């Protein structure tokens, strides 16, 4: 019993040390091969925006908050791009059966985002996305600096605030 307790304490101390070593390190985008809406292979590690921030938004056709978030951002996206140079990449997690409806939806909504398809959920798993909408902010070095889930009215204002803070070199909370 004492041995078990000793090893349990030792294991927990090891986790604390590992957690402290990772503190302050930013996670890079994982390398996952998926396809864009034209059916071309795309490596997620190649996501970049000439040193400017990138917003990555995981969504699906069946997710009403996702559609609402992307539609709300679409209304101000040109202003955001002009002001900050930010680029948004919408990652559809719809499976192979429904992904044929992604491009018509994107066209119908007038979204001017780059859209990629994660039909097998490989990128979603690599990014630890459990629920959608799940949005990531990536800095110009390809490092994930902020993330959030869900969408509420005004959520886009928080997002652009984070982009502005990132560009200004301010800490993101």
Protein backbone atom coordinates (compact mmCIF):
# COMPACT_ATOMS: atom_id res chain seq x y z
CA UNK A 1 0.00 0.00 0.00
CA UNK A 2 2.84 2.37 0.88
CA UNK A 3 4.57 1.56 -2.42
CA UNK A 4 1.43 2.35 -4.38
CA UNK A 5 1.01 5.64 -2.54
CA UNK A 6 4.69 6.50 -3.10
CA UNK A 7 4.46 5.82 -6.85
CA UNK A 8 1.21 7.76 -7.09
CA UNK A 9 2.83 10.81 -5.43
CA UNK A 10 5.89 10.43 -7.66
CA UNK A 11 3.66 10.24 -10.76
CA UNK A 12 1.73 13.37 -9.73
CA UNK A 13 4.96 15.29 -9.08
CA UNK A 14 6.15 14.28 -12.53
CA UNK A 15 2.96 15.68 -14.06
CA UNK A 16 3.47 18.98 -12.21
CA UNK A 17 7.05 19.24 -13.50
CA UNK A 18 5.94 18.48 -17.07
CA UNK A 19 3.14 21.04 -16.82
CA UNK A 20 5.56 23.70 -15.57
CA UNK A 21 8.03 22.98 -18.37
CA UNK A 22 5.28 23.45 -20.98
CA UNK A 23 4.10 26.69 -19.41
CA UNK A 24 4.81 29.63 -21.63
CA UNK A 25 5.47 27.50 -24.72
CA UNK A 26 3.16 28.06 -27.62
CA UNK A 27 1.94 25.09 -29.60
CA UNK A 28 2.61 25.05 -33.34
CA UNK A 29 -0.04 24.01 -35.81
CA UNK A 30 0.12 20.25 -36.35
CA UNK A 31 0.97 18.74 -39.72
CA UNK A 32 -2.14 16.98 -41.02
CA UNK A 33 -2.96 16.23 -44.65
CA UNK A 34 -6.53 17.18 -45.54
CA UNK A 35 -8.25 18.59 -48.64
CA UNK A 36 -9.53 21.97 -49.65
CA UNK A 37 -12.95 22.39 -51.26
CA UNK A 38 -11.39 21.90 -54.72
CA UNK A 39 -10.25 18.42 -53.65
CA UNK A 40 -6.57 19.37 -53.53
CA UNK A 41 -4.35 18.02 -50.75
CA UNK A 42 -3.48 20.55 -48.10
CA UNK A 43 -1.02 20.30 -45.21
CA UNK A 44 -2.25 22.20 -42.17
CA UNK A 45 1.33 23.00 -41.13
CA UNK A 46 1.46 25.20 -44.25
CA UNK A 47 -1.24 27.53 -42.95
CA UNK A 48 0.26 31.00 -43.03
CA UNK A 49 -0.57 34.59 -43.79
CA UNK A 50 2.75 36.31 -44.59
CA UNK A 51 3.55 36.79 -40.91
CA UNK A 52 0.09 38.11 -40.04
CA UNK A 53 -2.49 36.44 -37.77
CA UNK A 54 -4.74 33.63 -38.90
CA UNK A 55 -8.10 32.69 -37.43
CA UNK A 56 -8.99 29.02 -37.73
CA UNK A 57 -12.63 28.22 -37.17
CA UNK A 58 -13.91 24.65 -36.93
CA UNK A 59 -17.53 24.36 -38.06
CA UNK A 60 -20.09 22.03 -39.63
CA UNK A 61 -23.23 22.42 -41.71
CA UNK A 62 -25.43 21.16 -38.87
CA UNK A 63 -23.96 23.58 -36.30
CA UNK A 64 -26.18 26.67 -36.10
CA UNK A 65 -23.86 28.65 -33.78
CA UNK A 66 -20.99 27.93 -36.21
CA UNK A 67 -22.98 29.25 -39.17
CA UNK A 68 -24.03 32.28 -37.14
CA UNK A 69 -20.43 33.03 -36.08
CA UNK A 70 -19.04 32.74 -39.61
CA UNK A 71 -21.92 34.78 -41.06
CA UNK A 72 -21.44 37.49 -38.43
CA UNK A 73 -17.71 37.67 -39.12
CA UNK A 74 -18.38 37.73 -42.88
CA UNK A 75 -20.22 41.04 -42.38
CA UNK A 76 -17.05 42.68 -41.01
CA UNK A 77 -14.38 40.50 -42.59
CA UNK A 78 -13.32 43.01 -45.25
CA UNK A 79 -12.83 45.67 -42.55
CA UNK A 80 -10.82 43.22 -40.41
CA UNK A 81 -8.60 42.27 -43.33
CA UNK A 82 -8.00 45.88 -44.24
CA UNK A 83 -7.23 46.91 -40.65
CA UNK A 84 -5.22 43.92 -39.43
CA UNK A 85 -4.45 41.73 -42.44
CA UNK A 86 -5.97 38.76 -40.61
CA UNK A 87 -7.03 35.73 -42.63
CA UNK A 88 -9.79 33.33 -41.62
CA UNK A 89 -9.71 29.66 -42.52
CA UNK A 90 -12.97 27.79 -42.02
CA UNK A 91 -12.41 24.09 -41.34
CA UNK A 92 -15.49 22.03 -42.12
CA UNK A 93 -15.68 18.83 -40.09
CA UNK A 94 -18.58 17.48 -42.12
CA UNK A 95 -18.11 13.86 -43.19
CA UNK A 96 -17.78 12.64 -46.79
CA UNK A 97 -21.56 12.29 -47.19
CA UNK A 98 -22.36 15.91 -46.37
CA UNK A 99 -19.16 17.70 -47.39
CA UNK A 100 -20.47 18.06 -50.96
CA UNK A 101 -22.85 20.66 -49.51
CA UNK A 102 -20.06 22.77 -47.98
CA UNK A 103 -19.12 24.76 -51.09
CA UNK A 104 -22.76 25.59 -51.99
CA UNK A 105 -23.31 26.78 -48.41
CA UNK A 106 -20.15 28.88 -48.48
CA UNK A 107 -21.21 30.40 -51.81
CA UNK A 108 -24.77 30.95 -50.62
CA UNK A 109 -23.60 32.74 -47.48
CA UNK A 110 -21.11 34.83 -49.44
CA UNK A 111 -18.23 33.81 -47.19
CA UNK A 112 -14.89 34.84 -48.61
CA UNK A 113 -12.90 32.55 -46.36
CA UNK A 114 -10.51 29.85 -47.36
CA UNK A 115 -12.38 26.63 -46.63
CA UNK A 116 -10.76 23.27 -45.96
CA UNK A 117 -12.42 19.91 -45.38
CA UNK A 118 -11.54 17.71 -42.44
CA UNK A 119 -13.78 14.79 -43.42
CA UNK A 120 -11.99 12.22 -41.26
CA UNK A 121 -11.54 14.55 -38.29
CA UNK A 122 -7.75 14.17 -38.32
CA UNK A 123 -7.06 17.91 -37.99
CA UNK A 124 -9.84 18.23 -35.41
CA UNK A 125 -8.24 15.52 -33.26
CA UNK A 126 -4.76 17.00 -33.68
CA UNK A 127 -6.09 20.37 -32.47
CA UNK A 128 -8.01 18.77 -29.55
CA UNK A 129 -11.34 20.13 -30.76
CA UNK A 130 -14.15 18.58 -28.77
CA UNK A 131 -17.06 20.89 -29.48
CA UNK A 132 -17.77 23.38 -32.23
CA UNK A 133 -17.65 26.21 -32.96
CA UNK A 134 -14.04 26.15 -31.84
CA UNK A 135 -11.90 29.07 -32.94
CA UNK A 136 -8.13 29.43 -32.77
CA UNK A 137 -5.98 32.50 -33.22
CA UNK A 138 -2.57 31.76 -34.70
CA UNK A 139 0.28 34.25 -34.74
CA UNK A 140 2.52 34.98 -37.70
CA UNK A 141 4.90 32.19 -36.64
CA UNK A 142 2.19 29.53 -36.87
CA UNK A 143 1.80 29.27 -33.09
CA UNK A 144 -1.59 28.96 -31.41
CA UNK A 145 -1.91 31.95 -29.10
CA UNK A 146 -5.58 31.87 -28.14
CA UNK A 147 -8.68 29.74 -28.54
CA UNK A 148 -12.29 29.64 -27.53
CA UNK A 149 -15.42 27.58 -28.03
CA UNK A 150 -19.04 28.57 -28.65
CA UNK A 151 -20.41 31.77 -30.07
CA UNK A 152 -22.62 34.45 -28.60
CA UNK A 153 -23.71 37.80 -29.98
CA UNK A 154 -20.72 40.12 -29.74
CA UNK A 155 -18.25 37.25 -29.69
CA UNK A 156 -16.74 38.58 -32.89
CA UNK A 157 -15.78 41.76 -31.04
CA UNK A 158 -13.75 39.75 -28.54
CA UNK A 159 -12.07 37.92 -31.41
CA UNK A 160 -11.03 41.04 -33.30
CA UNK A 161 -9.90 42.53 -29.97
CA UNK A 162 -7.56 39.55 -29.57
CA UNK A 163 -6.26 40.00 -33.12
CA UNK A 164 -5.57 43.68 -32.45
CA UNK A 165 -3.83 42.86 -29.16
CA UNK A 166 -1.71 40.21 -30.90
CA UNK A 167 -0.60 42.68 -33.56
CA UNK A 168 0.17 45.29 -30.89
CA UNK A 169 2.29 42.74 -29.01
CA UNK A 170 0.03 42.84 -25.97
CA UNK A 171 -0.52 39.74 -23.86
CA UNK A 172 -3.63 37.73 -24.64
CA UNK A 173 -5.68 36.53 -21.71
